[in-house]
């Protein structure tokens, strides 16, 4: 697969994961207390954030000149979830969903249109 096609694949993967995460936010009516009490949603968010971290890492390997805000933090979170899953706080996940996800969504859209 050509680098541009691989890059597009990872961008589309991230885009679809963002859609899933937005559905989780909507499922809980943007309410942290509801989210915090849902083990299934917490695990789904962890899994989705792992996928995003992996995809960002692969994107940067294809083209290290691509800029994604907090790329190192996104990849670091993926590693933290994989290796220290028991230390992830639901409040940290929720903050990522509410604050960081919209930024990433805009950046992914922009990268798709290059």
PDB file of N, CA and C in Angstrom:
ATOM      1  N   UNK A   1       0.839  -1.175   0.000  1.00  0.00           N
ATOM      2  CA  UNK A   1       0.000   0.000   0.000  1.00  0.00           C
ATOM      3  C   UNK A   1       0.892   1.249   0.000  1.00  0.00           C
ATOM      4  N   UNK A   2       0.542   2.206  -0.807  1.00  0.00           N
ATOM      5  CA  UNK A   2       1.316   3.434  -0.907  1.00  0.00           C
ATOM      6  C   UNK A   2       1.188   4.255   0.374  1.00  0.00           C
ATOM      7  N   UNK A   3       2.226   5.030   0.699  1.00  0.00           N
ATOM      8  CA  UNK A   3       2.194   5.833   1.927  1.00  0.00           C
ATOM      9  C   UNK A   3       0.959   6.723   2.043  1.00  0.00           C
ATOM     10  N   UNK A   4       0.550   7.371   0.963  1.00  0.00           N
ATOM     11  CA  UNK A   4      -0.632   8.251   1.019  1.00  0.00           C
ATOM     12  C   UNK A   4      -1.880   7.442   1.364  1.00  0.00           C
ATOM     13  N   UNK A   5      -2.013   6.239   0.796  1.00  0.00           N
ATOM     14  CA  UNK A   5      -3.163   5.389   1.084  1.00  0.00           C
ATOM     15  C   UNK A   5      -3.152   4.907   2.535  1.00  0.00           C
ATOM     16  N   UNK A   6      -1.960   4.557   3.044  1.00  0.00           N
ATOM     17  CA  UNK A   6      -1.841   4.149   4.445  1.00  0.00           C
ATOM     18  C   UNK A   6      -2.216   5.308   5.352  1.00  0.00           C
ATOM     19  N   UNK A   7      -1.706   6.478   5.026  1.00  0.00           N
ATOM     20  CA  UNK A   7      -2.004   7.670   5.816  1.00  0.00           C
ATOM     21  C   UNK A   7      -3.511   7.913   5.851  1.00  0.00           C
ATOM     22  N   UNK A   8      -4.150   7.837   4.707  1.00  0.00           N
ATOM     23  CA  UNK A   8      -5.606   8.042   4.644  1.00  0.00           C
ATOM     24  C   UNK A   8      -6.337   6.982   5.452  1.00  0.00           C
ATOM     25  N   UNK A   9      -5.878   5.746   5.399  1.00  0.00           N
ATOM     26  CA  UNK A   9      -6.506   4.669   6.168  1.00  0.00           C
ATOM     27  C   UNK A   9      -6.473   4.985   7.663  1.00  0.00           C
ATOM     28  N   UNK A  10      -5.309   5.417   8.171  1.00  0.00           N
ATOM     29  CA  UNK A  10      -5.191   5.721   9.595  1.00  0.00           C
ATOM     30  C   UNK A  10      -6.032   6.938   9.976  1.00  0.00           C
ATOM     31  N   UNK A  11      -6.085   7.928   9.081  1.00  0.00           N
ATOM     32  CA  UNK A  11      -6.924   9.093   9.351  1.00  0.00           C
ATOM     33  C   UNK A  11      -8.403   8.695   9.417  1.00  0.00           C
ATOM     34  N   UNK A  12      -8.824   7.833   8.516  1.00  0.00           N
ATOM     35  CA  UNK A  12     -10.211   7.358   8.526  1.00  0.00           C
ATOM     36  C   UNK A  12     -10.496   6.498   9.763  1.00  0.00           C
ATOM     37  N   UNK A  13      -9.518   5.709  10.171  1.00  0.00           N
ATOM     38  CA  UNK A  13      -9.676   4.926  11.403  1.00  0.00           C
ATOM     39  C   UNK A  13      -9.904   5.859  12.586  1.00  0.00           C
ATOM     40  N   UNK A  14      -9.085   6.899  12.690  1.00  0.00           N
ATOM     41  CA  UNK A  14      -9.223   7.847  13.794  1.00  0.00           C
ATOM     42  C   UNK A  14     -10.572   8.549  13.714  1.00  0.00           C
ATOM     43  N   UNK A  15     -10.952   8.927  12.529  1.00  0.00           N
ATOM     44  CA  UNK A  15     -12.233   9.603  12.351  1.00  0.00           C
ATOM     45  C   UNK A  15     -13.402   8.724  12.812  1.00  0.00           C
ATOM     46  N   UNK A  16     -13.361   7.449  12.482  1.00  0.00           N
ATOM     47  CA  UNK A  16     -14.451   6.553  12.891  1.00  0.00           C
ATOM     48  C   UNK A  16     -14.446   6.341  14.408  1.00  0.00           C
ATOM     49  N   UNK A  17     -13.270   6.295  15.014  1.00  0.00           N
ATOM     50  CA  UNK A  17     -13.168   6.160  16.465  1.00  0.00           C
ATOM     51  C   UNK A  17     -13.717   7.413  17.149  1.00  0.00           C
ATOM     52  N   UNK A  18     -13.420   8.574  16.596  1.00  0.00           N
ATOM     53  CA  UNK A  18     -13.952   9.816  17.158  1.00  0.00           C
ATOM     54  C   UNK A  18     -15.480   9.791  17.136  1.00  0.00           C
ATOM     55  N   UNK A  19     -16.045   9.290  16.052  1.00  0.00           N
ATOM     56  CA  UNK A  19     -17.506   9.159  15.969  1.00  0.00           C
ATOM     57  C   UNK A  19     -18.028   8.237  17.075  1.00  0.00           C
ATOM     58  N   UNK A  20     -17.336   7.123  17.303  1.00  0.00           N
ATOM     59  CA  UNK A  20     -17.732   6.216  18.391  1.00  0.00           C
ATOM     60  C   UNK A  20     -17.674   6.926  19.741  1.00  0.00           C
ATOM     61  N   UNK A  21     -16.603   7.670  19.961  1.00  0.00           N
ATOM     62  CA  UNK A  21     -16.449   8.368  21.242  1.00  0.00           C
ATOM     63  C   UNK A  21     -17.519   9.434  21.422  1.00  0.00           C
ATOM     64  N   UNK A  22     -17.885  10.102  20.350  1.00  0.00           N
ATOM     65  CA  UNK A  22     -18.970  11.089  20.431  1.00  0.00           C
ATOM     66  C   UNK A  22     -20.294  10.420  20.786  1.00  0.00           C
ATOM     67  N   UNK A  23     -20.496   9.206  20.299  1.00  0.00           N
ATOM     68  CA  UNK A  23     -21.712   8.461  20.648  1.00  0.00           C
ATOM     69  C   UNK A  23     -21.728   8.092  22.127  1.00  0.00           C
ATOM     70  N   UNK A  24     -20.562   7.775  22.671  1.00  0.00           N
ATOM     71  CA  UNK A  24     -20.483   7.476  24.105  1.00  0.00           C
ATOM     72  C   UNK A  24     -20.810   8.719  24.924  1.00  0.00           C
ATOM     73  N   UNK A  25     -20.291   9.857  24.516  1.00  0.00           N
ATOM     74  CA  UNK A  25     -20.613  11.112  25.205  1.00  0.00           C
ATOM     75  C   UNK A  25     -22.120  11.349  25.158  1.00  0.00           C
ATOM     76  N   UNK A  26     -22.711  11.172  23.987  1.00  0.00           N
ATOM     77  CA  UNK A  26     -24.158  11.369  23.828  1.00  0.00           C
ATOM     78  C   UNK A  26     -24.953  10.357  24.647  1.00  0.00           C
ATOM     79  N   UNK A  27     -24.486   9.122  24.694  1.00  0.00           N
ATOM     80  CA  UNK A  27     -25.154   8.081  25.477  1.00  0.00           C
ATOM     81  C   UNK A  27     -25.292   8.492  26.933  1.00  0.00           C
ATOM     82  N   UNK A  28     -24.300   9.217  27.412  1.00  0.00           N
ATOM     83  CA  UNK A  28     -24.303   9.659  28.811  1.00  0.00           C
ATOM     84  C   UNK A  28     -24.776  11.103  28.961  1.00  0.00           C
ATOM     85  N   UNK A  29     -25.379  11.640  27.885  1.00  0.00           N
ATOM     86  CA  UNK A  29     -25.910  13.006  27.897  1.00  0.00           C
ATOM     87  C   UNK A  29     -24.872  14.013  28.388  1.00  0.00           C
ATOM     88  N   UNK A  30     -23.638  13.807  27.972  1.00  0.00           N
ATOM     89  CA  UNK A  30     -22.519  14.680  28.363  1.00  0.00           C
ATOM     90  C   UNK A  30     -22.387  14.826  29.877  1.00  0.00           C
ATOM     91  N   UNK A  31     -22.768  13.782  30.609  1.00  0.00           N
ATOM     92  CA  UNK A  31     -22.750  13.807  32.072  1.00  0.00           C
ATOM     93  C   UNK A  31     -21.662  12.882  32.605  1.00  0.00           C
ATOM     94  N   UNK A  32     -20.670  13.479  33.270  1.00  0.00           N
ATOM     95  CA  UNK A  32     -19.554  12.685  33.794  1.00  0.00           C
ATOM     96  C   UNK A  32     -20.012  11.627  34.779  1.00  0.00           C
ATOM     97  N   UNK A  33     -20.933  11.957  35.668  1.00  0.00           N
ATOM     98  CA  UNK A  33     -21.380  11.000  36.685  1.00  0.00           C
ATOM     99  C   UNK A  33     -21.960   9.746  36.039  1.00  0.00           C
ATOM    100  N   UNK A  34     -22.715   9.937  34.982  1.00  0.00           N
ATOM    101  CA  UNK A  34     -23.277   8.794  34.255  1.00  0.00           C
ATOM    102  C   UNK A  34     -22.155   7.965  33.625  1.00  0.00           C
ATOM    103  N   UNK A  35     -21.210   8.644  32.989  1.00  0.00           N
ATOM    104  CA  UNK A  35     -20.074   7.959  32.371  1.00  0.00           C
ATOM    105  C   UNK A  35     -19.270   7.188  33.410  1.00  0.00           C
ATOM    106  N   UNK A  36     -18.944   7.842  34.507  1.00  0.00           N
ATOM    107  CA  UNK A  36     -18.105   7.262  35.553  1.00  0.00           C
ATOM    108  C   UNK A  36     -18.696   5.966  36.115  1.00  0.00           C
ATOM    109  N   UNK A  37     -20.012   5.863  36.084  1.00  0.00           N
ATOM    110  CA  UNK A  37     -20.659   4.677  36.649  1.00  0.00           C
ATOM    111  C   UNK A  37     -20.814   3.541  35.630  1.00  0.00           C
ATOM    112  N   UNK A  38     -20.332   3.763  34.408  1.00  0.00           N
ATOM    113  CA  UNK A  38     -20.477   2.752  33.362  1.00  0.00           C
ATOM    114  C   UNK A  38     -19.134   2.105  33.034  1.00  0.00           C
ATOM    115  N   UNK A  39     -18.902   0.948  33.621  1.00  0.00           N
ATOM    116  CA  UNK A  39     -17.670   0.197  33.378  1.00  0.00           C
ATOM    117  C   UNK A  39     -17.483  -0.079  31.880  1.00  0.00           C
ATOM    118  N   UNK A  40     -18.566  -0.405  31.208  1.00  0.00           N
ATOM    119  CA  UNK A  40     -18.491  -0.736  29.781  1.00  0.00           C
ATOM    120  C   UNK A  40     -18.050   0.484  28.972  1.00  0.00           C
ATOM    121  N   UNK A  41     -18.603   1.638  29.274  1.00  0.00           N
ATOM    122  CA  UNK A  41     -18.203   2.848  28.546  1.00  0.00           C
ATOM    123  C   UNK A  41     -16.756   3.206  28.821  1.00  0.00           C
ATOM    124  N   UNK A  42     -16.332   3.073  30.058  1.00  0.00           N
ATOM    125  CA  UNK A  42     -14.941   3.373  30.401  1.00  0.00           C
ATOM    126  C   UNK A  42     -14.006   2.463  29.612  1.00  0.00           C
ATOM    127  N   UNK A  43     -14.296   1.186  29.570  1.00  0.00           N
ATOM    128  CA  UNK A  43     -13.448   0.251  28.834  1.00  0.00           C
ATOM    129  C   UNK A  43     -13.472   0.539  27.337  1.00  0.00           C
ATOM    130  N   UNK A  44     -14.641   0.909  26.812  1.00  0.00           N
ATOM    131  CA  UNK A  44     -14.743   1.245  25.387  1.00  0.00           C
ATOM    132  C   UNK A  44     -13.885   2.471  25.066  1.00  0.00           C
ATOM    133  N   UNK A  45     -13.933   3.474  25.927  1.00  0.00           N
ATOM    134  CA  UNK A  45     -13.131   4.678  25.714  1.00  0.00           C
ATOM    135  C   UNK A  45     -11.647   4.330  25.774  1.00  0.00           C
ATOM    136  N   UNK A  46     -11.249   3.528  26.741  1.00  0.00           N
ATOM    137  CA  UNK A  46      -9.841   3.117  26.818  1.00  0.00           C
ATOM    138  C   UNK A  46      -9.409   2.449  25.517  1.00  0.00           C
ATOM    139  N   UNK A  47     -10.205   1.534  25.047  1.00  0.00           N
ATOM    140  CA  UNK A  47      -9.878   0.804  23.808  1.00  0.00           C
ATOM    141  C   UNK A  47      -9.783   1.759  22.621  1.00  0.00           C
ATOM    142  N   UNK A  48     -10.755   2.656  22.516  1.00  0.00           N
ATOM    143  CA  UNK A  48     -10.752   3.602  21.407  1.00  0.00           C
ATOM    144  C   UNK A  48      -9.545   4.532  21.461  1.00  0.00           C
ATOM    145  N   UNK A  49      -9.185   4.976  22.643  1.00  0.00           N
ATOM    146  CA  UNK A  49      -8.020   5.855  22.774  1.00  0.00           C
ATOM    147  C   UNK A  49      -6.720   5.107  22.472  1.00  0.00           C
ATOM    148  N   UNK A  50      -6.687   3.811  22.778  1.00  0.00           N
ATOM    149  CA  UNK A  50      -5.527   2.997  22.401  1.00  0.00           C
ATOM    150  C   UNK A  50      -5.383   2.952  20.877  1.00  0.00           C
ATOM    151  N   UNK A  51      -6.492   2.758  20.191  1.00  0.00           N
ATOM    152  CA  UNK A  51      -6.469   2.691  18.729  1.00  0.00           C
ATOM    153  C   UNK A  51      -6.007   4.016  18.147  1.00  0.00           C
ATOM    154  N   UNK A  52      -6.521   5.121  18.686  1.00  0.00           N
ATOM    155  CA  UNK A  52      -6.100   6.437  18.207  1.00  0.00           C
ATOM    156  C   UNK A  52      -4.600   6.615  18.417  1.00  0.00           C
ATOM    157  N   UNK A  53      -4.101   6.247  19.587  1.00  0.00           N
ATOM    158  CA  UNK A  53      -2.674   6.368  19.865  1.00  0.00           C
ATOM    159  C   UNK A  53      -1.828   5.550  18.912  1.00  0.00           C
ATOM    160  N   UNK A  54      -2.267   4.356  18.625  1.00  0.00           N
ATOM    161  CA  UNK A  54      -1.544   3.499  17.685  1.00  0.00           C
ATOM    162  C   UNK A  54      -1.561   4.103  16.285  1.00  0.00           C
ATOM    163  N   UNK A  55      -2.709   4.588  15.864  1.00  0.00           N
ATOM    164  CA  UNK A  55      -2.833   5.174  14.525  1.00  0.00           C
ATOM    165  C   UNK A  55      -1.982   6.440  14.395  1.00  0.00           C
ATOM    166  N   UNK A  56      -1.974   7.273  15.425  1.00  0.00           N
ATOM    167  CA  UNK A  56      -1.142   8.482  15.391  1.00  0.00           C
ATOM    168  C   UNK A  56       0.332   8.095  15.259  1.00  0.00           C
ATOM    169  N   UNK A  57       0.747   7.081  16.006  1.00  0.00           N
ATOM    170  CA  UNK A  57       2.128   6.609  15.909  1.00  0.00           C
ATOM    171  C   UNK A  57       2.474   6.159  14.504  1.00  0.00           C
ATOM    172  N   UNK A  58       1.561   5.454  13.865  1.00  0.00           N
ATOM    173  CA  UNK A  58       1.810   4.975  12.505  1.00  0.00           C
ATOM    174  C   UNK A  58       1.821   6.129  11.503  1.00  0.00           C
ATOM    175  N   UNK A  59       0.949   7.106  11.724  1.00  0.00           N
ATOM    176  CA  UNK A  59       0.931   8.284  10.853  1.00  0.00           C
ATOM    177  C   UNK A  59       2.277   9.002  10.911  1.00  0.00           C
ATOM    178  N   UNK A  60       2.801   9.173  12.112  1.00  0.00           N
ATOM    179  CA  UNK A  60       4.079   9.873  12.267  1.00  0.00           C
ATOM    180  C   UNK A  60       5.248   9.083  11.685  1.00  0.00           C
ATOM    181  N   UNK A  61       5.128   7.758  11.651  1.00  0.00           N
ATOM    182  CA  UNK A  61       6.170   6.945  11.011  1.00  0.00           C
ATOM    183  C   UNK A  61       6.134   7.109   9.492  1.00  0.00           C
ATOM    184  N   UNK A  62       4.946   7.300   8.956  1.00  0.00           N
ATOM    185  CA  UNK A  62       4.813   7.526   7.516  1.00  0.00           C
ATOM    186  C   UNK A  62       5.347   8.905   7.148  1.00  0.00           C
ATOM    187  N   UNK A  63       4.997   9.899   7.970  1.00  0.00           N
ATOM    188  CA  UNK A  63       5.419  11.276   7.684  1.00  0.00           C
ATOM    189  C   UNK A  63       5.600  12.014   9.006  1.00  0.00           C
ATOM    190  N   UNK A  64       6.831  12.153   9.427  1.00  0.00           N
ATOM    191  CA  UNK A  64       7.097  12.789  10.727  1.00  0.00           C
ATOM    192  C   UNK A  64       6.944  14.306  10.699  1.00  0.00           C
ATOM    193  N   UNK A  65       6.602  14.854   9.548  1.00  0.00           N
ATOM    194  CA  UNK A  65       6.361  16.290   9.457  1.00  0.00           C
ATOM    195  C   UNK A  65       4.901  16.644   9.716  1.00  0.00           C
ATOM    196  N   UNK A  66       4.058  15.643   9.832  1.00  0.00           N
ATOM    197  CA  UNK A  66       2.644  15.885  10.144  1.00  0.00           C
ATOM    198  C   UNK A  66       2.539  16.366  11.585  1.00  0.00           C
ATOM    199  N   UNK A  67       1.718  17.380  11.770  1.00  0.00           N
ATOM    200  CA  UNK A  67       1.548  17.944  13.102  1.00  0.00           C
ATOM    201  C   UNK A  67       0.171  17.584  13.644  1.00  0.00           C
ATOM    202  N   UNK A  68       0.183  16.941  14.801  1.00  0.00           N
ATOM    203  CA  UNK A  68      -1.033  16.651  15.561  1.00  0.00           C
ATOM    204  C   UNK A  68      -0.770  17.158  16.970  1.00  0.00           C
ATOM    205  N   UNK A  69      -1.640  18.048  17.434  1.00  0.00           N
ATOM    206  CA  UNK A  69      -1.483  18.594  18.779  1.00  0.00           C
ATOM    207  C   UNK A  69      -1.400  17.453  19.784  1.00  0.00           C
ATOM    208  N   UNK A  70      -0.425  17.517  20.641  1.00  0.00           N
ATOM    209  CA  UNK A  70      -0.261  16.534  21.712  1.00  0.00           C
ATOM    210  C   UNK A  70      -0.046  15.107  21.205  1.00  0.00           C
ATOM    211  N   UNK A  71       0.561  14.957  20.039  1.00  0.00           N
ATOM    212  CA  UNK A  71       0.793  13.611  19.492  1.00  0.00           C
ATOM    213  C   UNK A  71       1.557  12.735  20.480  1.00  0.00           C
ATOM    214  N   UNK A  72       2.581  13.294  21.106  1.00  0.00           N
ATOM    215  CA  UNK A  72       3.361  12.505  22.065  1.00  0.00           C
ATOM    216  C   UNK A  72       2.505  12.095  23.259  1.00  0.00           C
ATOM    217  N   UNK A  73       1.609  12.972  23.686  1.00  0.00           N
ATOM    218  CA  UNK A  73       0.724  12.631  24.799  1.00  0.00           C
ATOM    219  C   UNK A  73      -0.293  11.556  24.400  1.00  0.00           C
ATOM    220  N   UNK A  74      -0.771  11.638  23.166  1.00  0.00           N
ATOM    221  CA  UNK A  74      -1.728  10.648  22.676  1.00  0.00           C
ATOM    222  C   UNK A  74      -1.069   9.269  22.636  1.00  0.00           C
ATOM    223  N   UNK A  75       0.138   9.213  22.110  1.00  0.00           N
ATOM    224  CA  UNK A  75       0.873   7.945  22.040  1.00  0.00           C
ATOM    225  C   UNK A  75       1.225   7.475  23.452  1.00  0.00           C
ATOM    226  N   UNK A  76       1.617   8.411  24.312  1.00  0.00           N
ATOM    227  CA  UNK A  76       1.928   8.065  25.699  1.00  0.00           C
ATOM    228  C   UNK A  76       0.721   7.505  26.432  1.00  0.00           C
ATOM    229  N   UNK A  77      -0.461   8.067  26.161  1.00  0.00           N
ATOM    230  CA  UNK A  77      -1.686   7.552  26.778  1.00  0.00           C
ATOM    231  C   UNK A  77      -1.949   6.129  26.306  1.00  0.00           C
ATOM    232  N   UNK A  78      -1.725   5.885  25.033  1.00  0.00           N
ATOM    233  CA  UNK A  78      -1.901   4.519  24.505  1.00  0.00           C
ATOM    234  C   UNK A  78      -1.013   3.555  25.272  1.00  0.00           C
ATOM    235  N   UNK A  79       0.242   3.944  25.474  1.00  0.00           N
ATOM    236  CA  UNK A  79       1.170   3.083  26.200  1.00  0.00           C
ATOM    237  C   UNK A  79       0.762   2.914  27.654  1.00  0.00           C
ATOM    238  N   UNK A  80       0.288   3.973  28.250  1.00  0.00           N
ATOM    239  CA  UNK A  80      -0.169   3.906  29.636  1.00  0.00           C
ATOM    240  C   UNK A  80      -1.361   2.961  29.778  1.00  0.00           C
ATOM    241  N   UNK A  81      -2.311   3.065  28.868  1.00  0.00           N
ATOM    242  CA  UNK A  81      -3.483   2.179  28.916  1.00  0.00           C
ATOM    243  C   UNK A  81      -3.057   0.727  28.744  1.00  0.00           C
ATOM    244  N   UNK A  82      -2.141   0.483  27.819  1.00  0.00           N
ATOM    245  CA  UNK A  82      -1.695  -0.889  27.558  1.00  0.00           C
ATOM    246  C   UNK A  82      -0.926  -1.463  28.745  1.00  0.00           C
ATOM    247  N   UNK A  83      -0.042  -0.667  29.329  1.00  0.00           N
ATOM    248  CA  UNK A  83       0.869  -1.197  30.336  1.00  0.00           C
ATOM    249  C   UNK A  83       0.476  -0.907  31.780  1.00  0.00           C
ATOM    250  N   UNK A  84      -0.338   0.108  31.987  1.00  0.00           N
ATOM    251  CA  UNK A  84      -0.741   0.467  33.356  1.00  0.00           C
ATOM    252  C   UNK A  84      -2.243   0.723  33.412  1.00  0.00           C
ATOM    253  N   UNK A  85      -2.983  -0.181  32.792  1.00  0.00           N
ATOM    254  CA  UNK A  85      -4.430  -0.017  32.664  1.00  0.00           C
ATOM    255  C   UNK A  85      -5.135   0.253  33.986  1.00  0.00           C
ATOM    256  N   UNK A  86      -4.592  -0.246  35.075  1.00  0.00           N
ATOM    257  CA  UNK A  86      -5.260  -0.118  36.367  1.00  0.00           C
ATOM    258  C   UNK A  86      -5.060   1.244  37.014  1.00  0.00           C
ATOM    259  N   UNK A  87      -4.294   2.117  36.376  1.00  0.00           N
ATOM    260  CA  UNK A  87      -4.060   3.428  36.972  1.00  0.00           C
ATOM    261  C   UNK A  87      -4.764   4.554  36.209  1.00  0.00           C
ATOM    262  N   UNK A  88      -5.583   4.206  35.241  1.00  0.00           N
ATOM    263  CA  UNK A  88      -6.299   5.213  34.451  1.00  0.00           C
ATOM    264  C   UNK A  88      -7.571   5.617  35.190  1.00  0.00           C
ATOM    265  N   UNK A  89      -7.690   6.894  35.455  1.00  0.00           N
ATOM    266  CA  UNK A  89      -8.859   7.423  36.152  1.00  0.00           C
ATOM    267  C   UNK A  89      -9.935   7.821  35.143  1.00  0.00           C
ATOM    268  N   UNK A  90     -11.196   7.472  35.428  1.00  0.00           N
ATOM    269  CA  UNK A  90     -12.289   7.876  34.533  1.00  0.00           C
ATOM    270  C   UNK A  90     -12.342   9.386  34.298  1.00  0.00           C
ATOM    271  N   UNK A  91     -11.995  10.186  35.301  1.00  0.00           N
ATOM    272  CA  UNK A  91     -12.017  11.646  35.140  1.00  0.00           C
ATOM    273  C   UNK A  91     -11.025  12.090  34.063  1.00  0.00           C
ATOM    274  N   UNK A  92      -9.879  11.438  33.975  1.00  0.00           N
ATOM    275  CA  UNK A  92      -8.892  11.772  32.947  1.00  0.00           C
ATOM    276  C   UNK A  92      -9.434  11.429  31.558  1.00  0.00           C
ATOM    277  N   UNK A  93     -10.096  10.297  31.458  1.00  0.00           N
ATOM    278  CA  UNK A  93     -10.691   9.907  30.179  1.00  0.00           C
ATOM    279  C   UNK A  93     -11.763  10.907  29.766  1.00  0.00           C
ATOM    280  N   UNK A  94     -12.593  11.304  30.722  1.00  0.00           N
ATOM    281  CA  UNK A  94     -13.681  12.233  30.426  1.00  0.00           C
ATOM    282  C   UNK A  94     -13.121  13.587  29.959  1.00  0.00           C
ATOM    283  N   UNK A  95     -12.070  14.048  30.613  1.00  0.00           N
ATOM    284  CA  UNK A  95     -11.437  15.309  30.219  1.00  0.00           C
ATOM    285  C   UNK A  95     -10.950  15.231  28.780  1.00  0.00           C
ATOM    286  N   UNK A  96     -10.362  14.105  28.420  1.00  0.00           N
ATOM    287  CA  UNK A  96      -9.896  13.906  27.049  1.00  0.00           C
ATOM    288  C   UNK A  96     -11.073  13.966  26.082  1.00  0.00           C
ATOM    289  N   UNK A  97     -12.168  13.304  26.440  1.00  0.00           N
ATOM    290  CA  UNK A  97     -13.345  13.291  25.571  1.00  0.00           C
ATOM    291  C   UNK A  97     -13.911  14.687  25.361  1.00  0.00           C
ATOM    292  N   UNK A  98     -14.012  15.449  26.425  1.00  0.00           N
ATOM    293  CA  UNK A  98     -14.682  16.742  26.358  1.00  0.00           C
ATOM    294  C   UNK A  98     -13.758  17.848  25.837  1.00  0.00           C
ATOM    295  N   UNK A  99     -12.504  17.836  26.213  1.00  0.00           N
ATOM    296  CA  UNK A  99     -11.600  18.937  25.869  1.00  0.00           C
ATOM    297  C   UNK A  99     -10.731  18.623  24.648  1.00  0.00           C
ATOM    298  N   UNK A 100     -10.108  17.462  24.643  1.00  0.00           N
ATOM    299  CA  UNK A 100      -9.116  17.154  23.612  1.00  0.00           C
ATOM    300  C   UNK A 100      -9.707  16.580  22.324  1.00  0.00           C
ATOM    301  N   UNK A 101     -10.779  15.831  22.440  1.00  0.00           N
ATOM    302  CA  UNK A 101     -11.354  15.165  21.269  1.00  0.00           C
ATOM    303  C   UNK A 101     -11.795  16.148  20.180  1.00  0.00           C
ATOM    304  N   UNK A 102     -12.471  17.250  20.519  1.00  0.00           N
ATOM    305  CA  UNK A 102     -12.855  18.190  19.453  1.00  0.00           C
ATOM    306  C   UNK A 102     -11.644  18.775  18.710  1.00  0.00           C
ATOM    307  N   UNK A 103     -10.551  19.008  19.411  1.00  0.00           N
ATOM    308  CA  UNK A 103      -9.335  19.518  18.772  1.00  0.00           C
ATOM    309  C   UNK A 103      -8.794  18.483  17.791  1.00  0.00           C
ATOM    310  N   UNK A 104      -8.710  17.241  18.250  1.00  0.00           N
ATOM    311  CA  UNK A 104      -8.214  16.168  17.389  1.00  0.00           C
ATOM    312  C   UNK A 104      -9.122  15.991  16.172  1.00  0.00           C
ATOM    313  N   UNK A 105     -10.406  16.069  16.383  1.00  0.00           N
ATOM    314  CA  UNK A 105     -11.361  15.913  15.271  1.00  0.00           C
ATOM    315  C   UNK A 105     -11.087  16.954  14.184  1.00  0.00           C
ATOM    316  N   UNK A 106     -10.887  18.196  14.577  1.00  0.00           N
ATOM    317  CA  UNK A 106     -10.600  19.257  13.600  1.00  0.00           C
ATOM    318  C   UNK A 106      -9.286  19.008  12.880  1.00  0.00           C
ATOM    319  N   UNK A 107      -8.282  18.565  13.607  1.00  0.00           N
ATOM    320  CA  UNK A 107      -6.981  18.310  12.989  1.00  0.00           C
ATOM    321  C   UNK A 107      -7.043  17.148  11.995  1.00  0.00           C
ATOM    322  N   UNK A 108      -7.779  16.115  12.339  1.00  0.00           N
ATOM    323  CA  UNK A 108      -7.908  14.956  11.443  1.00  0.00           C
ATOM    324  C   UNK A 108      -8.632  15.372  10.167  1.00  0.00           C
ATOM    325  N   UNK A 109      -9.684  16.182  10.308  1.00  0.00           N
ATOM    326  CA  UNK A 109     -10.396  16.683   9.129  1.00  0.00           C
ATOM    327  C   UNK A 109      -9.446  17.466   8.219  1.00  0.00           C
ATOM    328  N   UNK A 110      -8.643  18.334   8.818  1.00  0.00           N
ATOM    329  CA  UNK A 110      -7.701  19.142   8.046  1.00  0.00           C
ATOM    330  C   UNK A 110      -6.670  18.257   7.329  1.00  0.00           C
ATOM    331  N   UNK A 111      -6.169  17.241   8.027  1.00  0.00           N
ATOM    332  CA  UNK A 111      -5.179  16.344   7.422  1.00  0.00           C
ATOM    333  C   UNK A 111      -5.783  15.542   6.269  1.00  0.00           C
ATOM    334  N   UNK A 112      -7.017  15.169   6.406  1.00  0.00           N
ATOM    335  CA  UNK A 112      -7.693  14.431   5.323  1.00  0.00           C
ATOM    336  C   UNK A 112      -7.801  15.268   4.058  1.00  0.00           C
ATOM    337  N   UNK A 113      -7.914  16.567   4.246  1.00  0.00           N
ATOM    338  CA  UNK A 113      -8.134  17.455   3.105  1.00  0.00           C
ATOM    339  C   UNK A 113      -6.840  17.954   2.464  1.00  0.00           C
ATOM    340  N   UNK A 114      -5.690  17.484   2.960  1.00  0.00           N
ATOM    341  CA  UNK A 114      -4.416  17.910   2.350  1.00  0.00           C
ATOM    342  C   UNK A 114      -4.174  17.215   1.039  1.00  0.00           C
TER     343      UNK A 114
END
